[in-house]
Amino acid sequence: MASVSNNDDEGINGINVTPLVDVTLVLLIIFMVTAKLIAGRGLPLDLPKAATAGITQTMLTVSIDAQGKVLANGKEIANDSALREQTQAALRQNPELRTVIAASVAASHGSVMHVVDTIRDAGAVKIAFAADKAAPTSHK
């Protein structure tokens, strides 16, 4: 506690840091809670780095072209249920299935996310996005 004397000529001899510590702890708790909420909203993806893209061991490769046509392991997929069935069949063969999505640069974000949702709905959780190795850039 701050010591205050009855003499008006003397100033405060100590600083009370209790309110500062209280506010700091409350802010810490708020940041911890909100960080967990924000992290829980993201998709759990196993993403490769584009600058270091290399060979990845895969069992199921899903390709999306510029028109939104979907291919799974080179075979054209007619609808979502066919993609779901093929993903589930691959999961039955290998429960540690890695799925790689290779989307064209011109493919819409909505079509890519729809494919991701369909694959996740089928039970696959290890999803990566294919990338070509980028040319090194100079940082100035």
Protein backbone atom coordinates (compact mmCIF):
# COMPACT_ATOMS: atom_id res chain seq x y z
CA MET A 1 0.00 0.00 0.00
CA ALA A 2 1.08 3.56 -0.51
CA SER A 3 2.10 5.34 2.62
CA VAL A 4 0.59 8.77 2.96
CA SER A 5 1.54 11.05 5.80
CA ASN A 6 -0.62 13.71 7.37
CA ASN A 7 1.91 16.42 6.53
CA ASP A 8 0.88 18.25 3.32
CA ASP A 9 4.48 19.18 2.46
CA GLU A 10 5.55 15.57 1.85
CA GLY A 11 4.62 13.71 -1.38
CA ILE A 12 3.67 10.09 -1.91
CA ASN A 13 6.55 7.88 -0.86
CA GLY A 14 5.51 4.71 -2.76
CA ILE A 15 3.67 3.68 -5.92
CA ASN A 16 0.85 1.19 -5.70
CA VAL A 17 1.35 -1.34 -8.53
CA THR A 18 -1.54 -3.62 -7.58
CA PRO A 19 -3.97 -2.12 -10.13
CA LEU A 20 -1.34 -2.45 -12.86
CA VAL A 21 -0.80 -6.13 -12.06
CA ASP A 22 -4.56 -6.75 -11.95
CA VAL A 23 -5.13 -5.16 -15.36
CA THR A 24 -2.17 -7.05 -16.85
CA LEU A 25 -3.46 -10.39 -15.60
CA VAL A 26 -6.96 -9.70 -16.92
CA LEU A 27 -5.53 -8.80 -20.35
CA LEU A 28 -3.41 -11.94 -20.34
CA ILE A 29 -6.45 -14.10 -19.65
CA ILE A 30 -8.46 -12.37 -22.38
CA PHE A 31 -5.66 -12.91 -24.93
CA MET A 32 -5.32 -16.58 -23.96
CA VAL A 33 -9.05 -17.24 -24.36
CA THR A 34 -9.39 -15.39 -27.66
CA ALA A 35 -6.28 -17.06 -29.10
CA LYS A 36 -7.83 -20.49 -28.52
CA LEU A 37 -11.09 -19.39 -30.15
CA ILE A 38 -9.33 -17.98 -33.20
CA ALA A 39 -7.13 -21.05 -33.63
CA GLY A 40 -10.17 -23.36 -33.43
CA ARG A 41 -11.84 -21.77 -36.48
CA GLY A 42 -9.12 -22.62 -39.00
CA LEU A 43 -8.94 -25.74 -41.13
CA PRO A 44 -6.37 -28.23 -39.89
CA LEU A 45 -4.30 -28.46 -43.09
CA ASP A 46 -0.91 -29.98 -43.73
CA LEU A 47 0.43 -27.35 -46.11
CA PRO A 48 3.72 -27.62 -47.97
CA LYS A 49 5.96 -24.61 -48.51
CA ALA A 50 5.94 -23.43 -52.11
CA ALA A 51 9.62 -22.49 -52.11
CA THR A 52 10.59 -25.97 -50.93
CA ALA A 53 7.94 -28.02 -52.71
CA GLY A 54 9.14 -31.53 -53.36
CA ILE A 55 7.96 -35.08 -53.61
CA THR A 56 5.21 -35.90 -51.12
CA GLN A 57 4.07 -39.42 -50.39
CA THR A 58 0.39 -39.44 -51.38
CA MET A 59 -2.35 -41.93 -51.74
CA LEU A 60 -5.08 -39.71 -53.19
CA THR A 61 -4.50 -36.82 -55.55
CA VAL A 62 -7.43 -34.55 -56.35
CA SER A 63 -7.02 -32.14 -59.26
CA ILE A 64 -9.24 -29.16 -60.05
CA ASP A 65 -8.89 -27.46 -63.43
CA ALA A 66 -9.79 -23.89 -64.40
CA GLN A 67 -13.36 -24.86 -65.33
CA GLY A 68 -13.94 -26.60 -61.99
CA LYS A 69 -13.69 -30.18 -63.33
CA VAL A 70 -12.51 -32.54 -60.56
CA LEU A 71 -10.23 -35.54 -61.08
CA ALA A 72 -9.27 -38.03 -58.37
CA ASN A 73 -6.13 -40.08 -59.10
CA GLY A 74 -6.55 -39.16 -62.78
CA LYS A 75 -10.18 -40.29 -63.08
CA GLU A 76 -12.91 -37.72 -63.67
CA ILE A 77 -15.36 -37.36 -60.78
CA ALA A 78 -18.98 -36.79 -61.75
CA ASN A 79 -20.36 -35.52 -58.43
CA ASP A 80 -19.66 -35.02 -54.72
CA SER A 81 -20.87 -38.48 -53.72
CA ALA A 82 -18.39 -40.14 -56.11
CA LEU A 83 -15.53 -38.10 -54.61
CA ARG A 84 -16.73 -38.97 -51.11
CA GLU A 85 -16.90 -42.71 -51.98
CA GLN A 86 -13.43 -42.71 -53.55
CA THR A 87 -11.98 -40.91 -50.51
CA GLN A 88 -13.63 -43.36 -48.11
CA ALA A 89 -12.34 -46.33 -50.15
CA ALA A 90 -8.80 -44.93 -50.01
CA LEU A 91 -9.20 -44.35 -46.25
CA ARG A 92 -10.21 -47.98 -45.78
CA GLN A 93 -7.00 -49.06 -47.54
CA ASN A 94 -4.82 -46.64 -45.57
CA PRO A 95 -6.16 -44.90 -42.43
CA GLU A 96 -3.14 -42.53 -42.56
CA LEU A 97 -4.26 -41.29 -45.99
CA ARG A 98 -2.63 -38.14 -47.31
CA THR A 99 -4.75 -36.19 -49.74
CA VAL A 100 -3.12 -33.68 -52.07
CA ILE A 101 -5.24 -31.09 -53.81
CA ALA A 102 -3.72 -29.72 -57.02
CA ALA A 103 -5.81 -26.78 -58.13
CA SER A 104 -5.26 -24.62 -61.18
CA VAL A 105 -4.36 -21.01 -60.58
CA ALA A 106 -7.56 -20.08 -62.43
CA ALA A 107 -9.79 -22.36 -60.31
CA SER A 108 -12.21 -20.46 -58.11
CA HIS A 109 -11.68 -20.37 -54.37
CA GLY A 110 -15.25 -21.59 -53.88
CA SER A 111 -14.74 -24.74 -55.95
CA VAL A 112 -11.50 -25.58 -54.12
CA MET A 113 -13.14 -25.11 -50.72
CA HIS A 114 -16.10 -27.24 -51.83
CA VAL A 115 -13.72 -30.08 -52.71
CA VAL A 116 -11.91 -29.65 -49.37
CA ASP A 117 -15.25 -29.81 -47.52
CA THR A 118 -16.29 -32.95 -49.42
CA ILE A 119 -12.97 -34.68 -48.67
CA ARG A 120 -13.11 -33.71 -44.98
CA ASP A 121 -16.73 -34.89 -44.81
CA ALA A 122 -15.55 -38.28 -46.11
CA GLY A 123 -13.15 -38.52 -43.15
CA ALA A 124 -9.79 -37.43 -44.56
CA VAL A 125 -7.92 -35.08 -42.23
CA LYS A 126 -4.42 -34.91 -43.74
CA ILE A 127 -4.91 -32.51 -46.62
CA ALA A 128 -2.13 -30.72 -48.47
CA PHE A 129 -2.10 -28.36 -51.42
CA ALA A 130 0.28 -29.10 -54.29
CA ALA A 131 2.58 -26.33 -55.41
CA ASP A 132 5.28 -26.00 -58.02
CA LYS A 133 8.65 -24.90 -56.78
CA ALA A 134 8.82 -21.14 -57.03
CA ALA A 135 11.81 -19.33 -58.45
CA PRO A 136 13.96 -17.82 -55.71
CA THR A 137 13.22 -14.17 -55.12
CA SER A 138 15.76 -11.63 -54.02
CA HIS A 139 14.92 -9.77 -50.84
CA LYS A 140 16.05 -6.16 -50.96
